[in-house]
Amino acid sequence: MKKMLLPMALGAALLLASGCATTRYVDERVDPLEARVTAIESRLDALESRVGMLENEVEAATGTAIKAKDCAARSSEEAAAAAKEAAAAAARAEEALRKSEKLFELRQKK
């Protein structure tokens, strides 16, 4: 029995000594990871801020585009109305030209 007790005690001591991590070992492994995580978190915060700013810019640009589209539609309607008026004026001018040509011809015949 004594022969077994000594190897068992040595085995248990060896397991306990090799299985436990020291605070220094853990700090050596965790500190670099903590620094990387902190850097990534700060980059993520900056990116989230930038995305928020871009969302605001997109909303503003969308509003501006909608206003421009409405203005263009109004301008198009106004242009169509002006073109219609111009066509009517051109027709009146052509009629006046024909009348003046007829008057000119009649005066030439007299």
N, C-alpha and C. Protein backbone atom coordinates (compact mmCIF):
# COMPACT_ATOMS: atom_id res chain seq x y z
N MET A 1 0.80 -1.17 0.00
CA MET A 1 0.00 0.00 0.00
C MET A 1 0.87 1.26 0.00
N LYS A 2 1.95 1.25 0.75
CA LYS A 2 2.85 2.38 0.78
C LYS A 2 3.49 2.59 -0.58
N LYS A 3 3.68 1.51 -1.29
CA LYS A 3 4.30 1.63 -2.61
C LYS A 3 3.38 2.39 -3.58
N MET A 4 2.09 2.28 -3.41
CA MET A 4 1.14 2.94 -4.31
C MET A 4 0.86 4.38 -3.89
N LEU A 5 0.97 4.63 -2.63
CA LEU A 5 0.65 5.95 -2.11
C LEU A 5 1.63 7.02 -2.62
N LEU A 6 2.88 6.70 -2.65
CA LEU A 6 3.88 7.65 -3.10
C LEU A 6 3.71 8.01 -4.58
N PRO A 7 3.57 7.07 -5.51
CA PRO A 7 3.37 7.44 -6.92
C PRO A 7 2.06 8.21 -7.13
N MET A 8 1.02 7.86 -6.38
CA MET A 8 -0.25 8.57 -6.52
C MET A 8 -0.12 10.01 -6.04
N ALA A 9 0.59 10.24 -4.96
CA ALA A 9 0.79 11.58 -4.43
C ALA A 9 1.62 12.41 -5.41
N LEU A 10 2.67 11.78 -5.96
CA LEU A 10 3.49 12.49 -6.94
C LEU A 10 2.69 12.82 -8.20
N GLY A 11 1.86 11.90 -8.65
CA GLY A 11 1.03 12.13 -9.83
C GLY A 11 0.03 13.25 -9.60
N ALA A 12 -0.60 13.26 -8.42
CA ALA A 12 -1.56 14.31 -8.10
C ALA A 12 -0.87 15.67 -8.01
N ALA A 13 0.29 15.72 -7.42
CA ALA A 13 1.04 16.97 -7.30
C ALA A 13 1.46 17.47 -8.68
N LEU A 14 1.89 16.53 -9.51
CA LEU A 14 2.30 16.89 -10.86
C LEU A 14 1.11 17.44 -11.66
N LEU A 15 -0.04 16.84 -11.55
CA LEU A 15 -1.24 17.31 -12.24
C LEU A 15 -1.65 18.69 -11.74
N LEU A 16 -1.63 18.88 -10.46
CA LEU A 16 -2.01 20.17 -9.90
C LEU A 16 -1.04 21.26 -10.32
N ALA A 17 0.23 20.96 -10.35
CA ALA A 17 1.23 21.95 -10.69
C ALA A 17 1.17 22.32 -12.17
N SER A 18 0.93 21.34 -13.03
CA SER A 18 0.95 21.63 -14.46
C SER A 18 -0.41 22.09 -14.98
N GLY A 19 -1.49 21.82 -14.30
CA GLY A 19 -2.83 22.15 -14.78
C GLY A 19 -3.28 23.54 -14.44
N CYS A 20 -2.65 24.23 -13.55
CA CYS A 20 -3.09 25.55 -13.14
C CYS A 20 -2.33 26.63 -13.91
N ALA A 21 -3.06 27.60 -14.36
CA ALA A 21 -2.44 28.72 -15.06
C ALA A 21 -2.18 29.83 -14.05
N THR A 22 -1.04 30.45 -14.20
CA THR A 22 -0.72 31.55 -13.30
C THR A 22 -1.38 32.83 -13.80
N THR A 23 -1.51 33.78 -12.93
CA THR A 23 -2.10 35.07 -13.30
C THR A 23 -1.25 35.74 -14.36
N ARG A 24 0.05 35.61 -14.22
CA ARG A 24 0.96 36.21 -15.19
C ARG A 24 0.77 35.59 -16.57
N TYR A 25 0.63 34.29 -16.64
CA TYR A 25 0.43 33.59 -17.91
C TYR A 25 -0.88 34.06 -18.56
N VAL A 26 -1.92 34.11 -17.74
CA VAL A 26 -3.22 34.54 -18.27
C VAL A 26 -3.14 35.99 -18.74
N ASP A 27 -2.51 36.87 -17.96
CA ASP A 27 -2.36 38.26 -18.36
C ASP A 27 -1.59 38.39 -19.67
N GLU A 28 -0.55 37.58 -19.84
CA GLU A 28 0.24 37.62 -21.07
C GLU A 28 -0.60 37.23 -22.28
N ARG A 29 -1.53 36.33 -22.08
CA ARG A 29 -2.37 35.88 -23.19
C ARG A 29 -3.57 36.81 -23.41
N VAL A 30 -4.13 37.36 -22.36
CA VAL A 30 -5.36 38.14 -22.45
C VAL A 30 -5.07 39.60 -22.82
N ASP A 31 -4.01 40.19 -22.32
CA ASP A 31 -3.73 41.61 -22.57
C ASP A 31 -3.65 41.95 -24.06
N PRO A 32 -2.92 41.20 -24.88
CA PRO A 32 -2.91 41.53 -26.31
C PRO A 32 -4.30 41.43 -26.94
N LEU A 33 -5.07 40.43 -26.52
CA LEU A 33 -6.42 40.28 -27.06
C LEU A 33 -7.31 41.44 -26.62
N GLU A 34 -7.14 41.85 -25.39
CA GLU A 34 -7.93 42.97 -24.88
C GLU A 34 -7.60 44.25 -25.65
N ALA A 35 -6.33 44.44 -25.94
CA ALA A 35 -5.93 45.63 -26.71
C ALA A 35 -6.52 45.58 -28.12
N ARG A 36 -6.49 44.41 -28.75
CA ARG A 36 -7.07 44.27 -30.09
C ARG A 36 -8.57 44.51 -30.07
N VAL A 37 -9.25 43.96 -29.07
CA VAL A 37 -10.70 44.14 -28.97
C VAL A 37 -11.03 45.62 -28.76
N THR A 38 -10.26 46.29 -27.93
CA THR A 38 -10.48 47.72 -27.69
C THR A 38 -10.29 48.52 -28.97
N ALA A 39 -9.25 48.19 -29.74
CA ALA A 39 -9.00 48.88 -31.01
C ALA A 39 -10.15 48.62 -31.99
N ILE A 40 -10.61 47.39 -32.04
CA ILE A 40 -11.70 47.05 -32.94
C ILE A 40 -12.98 47.76 -32.52
N GLU A 41 -13.23 47.84 -31.23
CA GLU A 41 -14.42 48.53 -30.74
C GLU A 41 -14.38 50.01 -31.11
N SER A 42 -13.22 50.64 -31.00
CA SER A 42 -13.13 52.06 -31.34
C SER A 42 -13.33 52.25 -32.84
N ARG A 43 -12.79 51.35 -33.66
CA ARG A 43 -13.00 51.43 -35.11
C ARG A 43 -14.47 51.22 -35.43
N LEU A 44 -15.10 50.29 -34.75
CA LEU A 44 -16.52 50.02 -34.97
C LEU A 44 -17.35 51.24 -34.60
N ASP A 45 -17.03 51.89 -33.48
CA ASP A 45 -17.74 53.10 -33.08
C ASP A 45 -17.59 54.19 -34.14
N ALA A 46 -16.36 54.34 -34.67
CA ALA A 46 -16.12 55.35 -35.70
C ALA A 46 -16.93 55.02 -36.96
N LEU A 47 -16.96 53.74 -37.34
CA LEU A 47 -17.71 53.34 -38.52
C LEU A 47 -19.21 53.55 -38.32
N GLU A 48 -19.71 53.24 -37.15
CA GLU A 48 -21.13 53.46 -36.87
C GLU A 48 -21.47 54.94 -36.95
N SER A 49 -20.58 55.77 -36.44
CA SER A 49 -20.79 57.21 -36.52
C SER A 49 -20.81 57.66 -37.97
N ARG A 50 -19.87 57.17 -38.75
CA ARG A 50 -19.78 57.53 -40.18
C ARG A 50 -21.03 57.06 -40.93
N VAL A 51 -21.50 55.85 -40.63
CA VAL A 51 -22.70 55.33 -41.28
C VAL A 51 -23.90 56.21 -40.93
N GLY A 52 -23.99 56.64 -39.68
CA GLY A 52 -25.07 57.54 -39.27
C GLY A 52 -25.03 58.84 -40.04
N MET A 53 -23.84 59.40 -40.20
CA MET A 53 -23.70 60.64 -40.96
C MET A 53 -24.10 60.43 -42.42
N LEU A 54 -23.67 59.31 -42.99
CA LEU A 54 -24.01 59.02 -44.38
C LEU A 54 -25.51 58.81 -44.56
N GLU A 55 -26.15 58.18 -43.59
CA GLU A 55 -27.60 58.01 -43.65
C GLU A 55 -28.30 59.37 -43.68
N ASN A 56 -27.82 60.29 -42.84
CA ASN A 56 -28.39 61.65 -42.83
C ASN A 56 -28.18 62.34 -44.17
N GLU A 57 -26.99 62.17 -44.74
CA GLU A 57 -26.71 62.79 -46.04
C GLU A 57 -27.59 62.20 -47.13
N VAL A 58 -27.80 60.89 -47.08
CA VAL A 58 -28.65 60.23 -48.08
C VAL A 58 -30.09 60.73 -47.95
N GLU A 59 -30.57 60.85 -46.73
CA GLU A 59 -31.93 61.37 -46.54
C GLU A 59 -32.06 62.79 -47.07
N ALA A 60 -31.06 63.62 -46.82
CA ALA A 60 -31.09 65.00 -47.31
C ALA A 60 -31.04 65.02 -48.84
N ALA A 61 -30.19 64.19 -49.43
CA ALA A 61 -30.07 64.13 -50.89
C ALA A 61 -31.37 63.60 -51.50
N THR A 62 -32.00 62.65 -50.84
CA THR A 62 -33.27 62.13 -51.35
C THR A 62 -34.33 63.23 -51.35
N GLY A 63 -34.39 64.00 -50.27
CA GLY A 63 -35.33 65.11 -50.20
C GLY A 63 -35.07 66.13 -51.30
N THR A 64 -33.81 66.44 -51.52
CA THR A 64 -33.45 67.38 -52.57
C THR A 64 -33.83 66.84 -53.95
N ALA A 65 -33.59 65.56 -54.16
CA ALA A 65 -33.94 64.94 -55.45
C ALA A 65 -35.44 64.96 -55.68
N ILE A 66 -36.20 64.72 -54.64
CA ILE A 66 -37.66 64.75 -54.77
C ILE A 66 -38.13 66.16 -55.12
N LYS A 67 -37.56 67.17 -54.44
CA LYS A 67 -37.91 68.55 -54.74
C LYS A 67 -37.53 68.91 -56.17
N ALA A 68 -36.35 68.47 -56.62
CA ALA A 68 -35.91 68.75 -57.99
C ALA A 68 -36.83 68.07 -59.01
N LYS A 69 -37.25 66.86 -58.69
CA LYS A 69 -38.16 66.15 -59.60
C LYS A 69 -39.48 66.89 -59.71
N ASP A 70 -40.01 67.35 -58.58
CA ASP A 70 -41.26 68.11 -58.59
C ASP A 70 -41.10 69.40 -59.38
N CYS A 71 -39.98 70.07 -59.17
CA CYS A 71 -39.71 71.32 -59.88
C CYS A 71 -39.59 71.05 -61.38
N ALA A 72 -38.92 69.97 -61.74
CA ALA A 72 -38.76 69.63 -63.15
C ALA A 72 -40.12 69.30 -63.77
N ALA A 73 -40.97 68.62 -63.02
CA ALA A 73 -42.30 68.30 -63.53
C ALA A 73 -43.09 69.59 -63.78
N ARG A 74 -43.00 70.52 -62.80
CA ARG A 74 -43.68 71.81 -62.98
C ARG A 74 -43.10 72.55 -64.17
N SER A 75 -41.78 72.55 -64.29
CA SER A 75 -41.12 73.24 -65.40
C SER A 75 -41.52 72.61 -66.73
N SER A 76 -41.64 71.31 -66.74
CA SER A 76 -42.04 70.61 -67.95
C SER A 76 -43.46 71.00 -68.35
N GLU A 77 -44.34 71.08 -67.35
CA GLU A 77 -45.72 71.49 -67.62
C GLU A 77 -45.75 72.93 -68.12
N GLU A 78 -44.95 73.79 -67.48
CA GLU A 78 -44.89 75.20 -67.90
C GLU A 78 -44.31 75.30 -69.31
N ALA A 79 -43.29 74.50 -69.60
CA ALA A 79 -42.68 74.51 -70.93
C ALA A 79 -43.68 74.04 -71.98
N ALA A 80 -44.46 73.02 -71.65
CA ALA A 80 -45.46 72.53 -72.59
C ALA A 80 -46.51 73.61 -72.86
N ALA A 81 -46.93 74.29 -71.80
CA ALA A 81 -47.91 75.38 -71.97
C ALA A 81 -47.31 76.51 -72.81
N ALA A 82 -46.07 76.86 -72.55
CA ALA A 82 -45.41 77.92 -73.32
C ALA A 82 -45.26 77.51 -74.78
N ALA A 83 -44.94 76.24 -75.02
CA ALA A 83 -44.81 75.76 -76.40
C ALA A 83 -46.15 75.83 -77.12
N LYS A 84 -47.21 75.50 -76.41
CA LYS A 84 -48.55 75.57 -76.99
C LYS A 84 -48.89 77.02 -77.34
N GLU A 85 -48.59 77.94 -76.42
CA GLU A 85 -48.83 79.36 -76.69
C GLU A 85 -47.98 79.85 -77.86
N ALA A 86 -46.75 79.39 -77.93
CA ALA A 86 -45.86 79.80 -79.02
C ALA A 86 -46.38 79.27 -80.35
N ALA A 87 -46.88 78.05 -80.36
CA ALA A 87 -47.44 77.50 -81.60
C ALA A 87 -48.66 78.29 -82.04
N ALA A 88 -49.49 78.68 -81.08
CA ALA A 88 -50.67 79.48 -81.42
C ALA A 88 -50.24 80.84 -81.96
N ALA A 89 -49.23 81.44 -81.33
CA ALA A 89 -48.73 82.74 -81.79
C ALA A 89 -48.13 82.61 -83.19
N ALA A 90 -47.43 81.51 -83.45
CA ALA A 90 -46.85 81.29 -84.77
C ALA A 90 -47.95 81.14 -85.81
N ALA A 91 -49.00 80.44 -85.45
CA ALA A 91 -50.12 80.28 -86.38
C ALA A 91 -50.76 81.65 -86.67
N ARG A 92 -50.92 82.48 -85.63
CA ARG A 92 -51.48 83.82 -85.84
C ARG A 92 -50.54 84.66 -86.72
N ALA A 93 -49.24 84.51 -86.50
CA ALA A 93 -48.27 85.26 -87.29
C ALA A 93 -48.32 84.83 -88.75
N GLU A 94 -48.44 83.52 -88.99
CA GLU A 94 -48.53 83.04 -90.37
C GLU A 94 -49.80 83.56 -91.05
N GLU A 95 -50.89 83.58 -90.31
CA GLU A 95 -52.15 84.09 -90.85
C GLU A 95 -52.01 85.58 -91.17
N ALA A 96 -51.37 86.32 -90.27
CA ALA A 96 -51.15 87.75 -90.52
C ALA A 96 -50.26 87.94 -91.74
N LEU A 97 -49.25 87.08 -91.92
CA LEU A 97 -48.37 87.16 -93.08
C LEU A 97 -49.15 86.92 -94.36
N ARG A 98 -50.01 85.92 -94.36
CA ARG A 98 -50.81 85.64 -95.55
C ARG A 98 -51.72 86.83 -95.89
N LYS A 99 -52.33 87.40 -94.87
CA LYS A 99 -53.19 88.55 -95.09
C LYS A 99 -52.40 89.72 -95.65
N SER A 100 -51.22 89.96 -95.10
CA SER A 100 -50.41 91.09 -95.59
C SER A 100 -49.93 90.82 -97.01
N GLU A 101 -49.64 89.58 -97.35
CA GLU A 101 -49.24 89.26 -98.72
C GLU A 101 -50.40 89.50 -99.68
N LYS A 102 -51.60 89.11 -99.26
CA LYS A 102 -52.77 89.35 -100.10
C LYS A 102 -53.00 90.84 -100.29
N LEU A 103 -52.87 91.62 -99.23
CA LEU A 103 -53.03 93.07 -99.34
C LEU A 103 -51.98 93.67 -100.27
N PHE A 104 -50.77 93.16 -100.16
CA PHE A 104 -49.68 93.65 -101.01
C PHE A 104 -50.00 93.34 -102.48
N GLU A 105 -50.49 92.14 -102.73
CA GLU A 105 -50.83 91.76 -104.10
C GLU A 105 -51.98 92.63 -104.64
N LEU A 106 -52.96 92.87 -103.81
CA LEU A 106 -54.08 93.70 -104.24
C LEU A 106 -53.62 95.13 -104.53
N ARG A 107 -52.74 95.70 -103.76
CA ARG A 107 -52.22 97.04 -104.01
C ARG A 107 -51.39 97.07 -105.28
N GLN A 108 -50.68 95.97 -105.53
CA GLN A 108 -49.86 95.92 -106.76
C GLN A 108 -50.75 95.90 -108.00
N LYS A 109 -51.92 95.28 -107.91
CA LYS A 109 -52.81 95.17 -109.04
C LYS A 109 -53.49 96.51 -109.33
N LYS A 110 -53.64 97.38 -108.40
CA LYS A 110 -54.34 98.64 -108.61
C LYS A 110 -53.55 99.58 -109.36
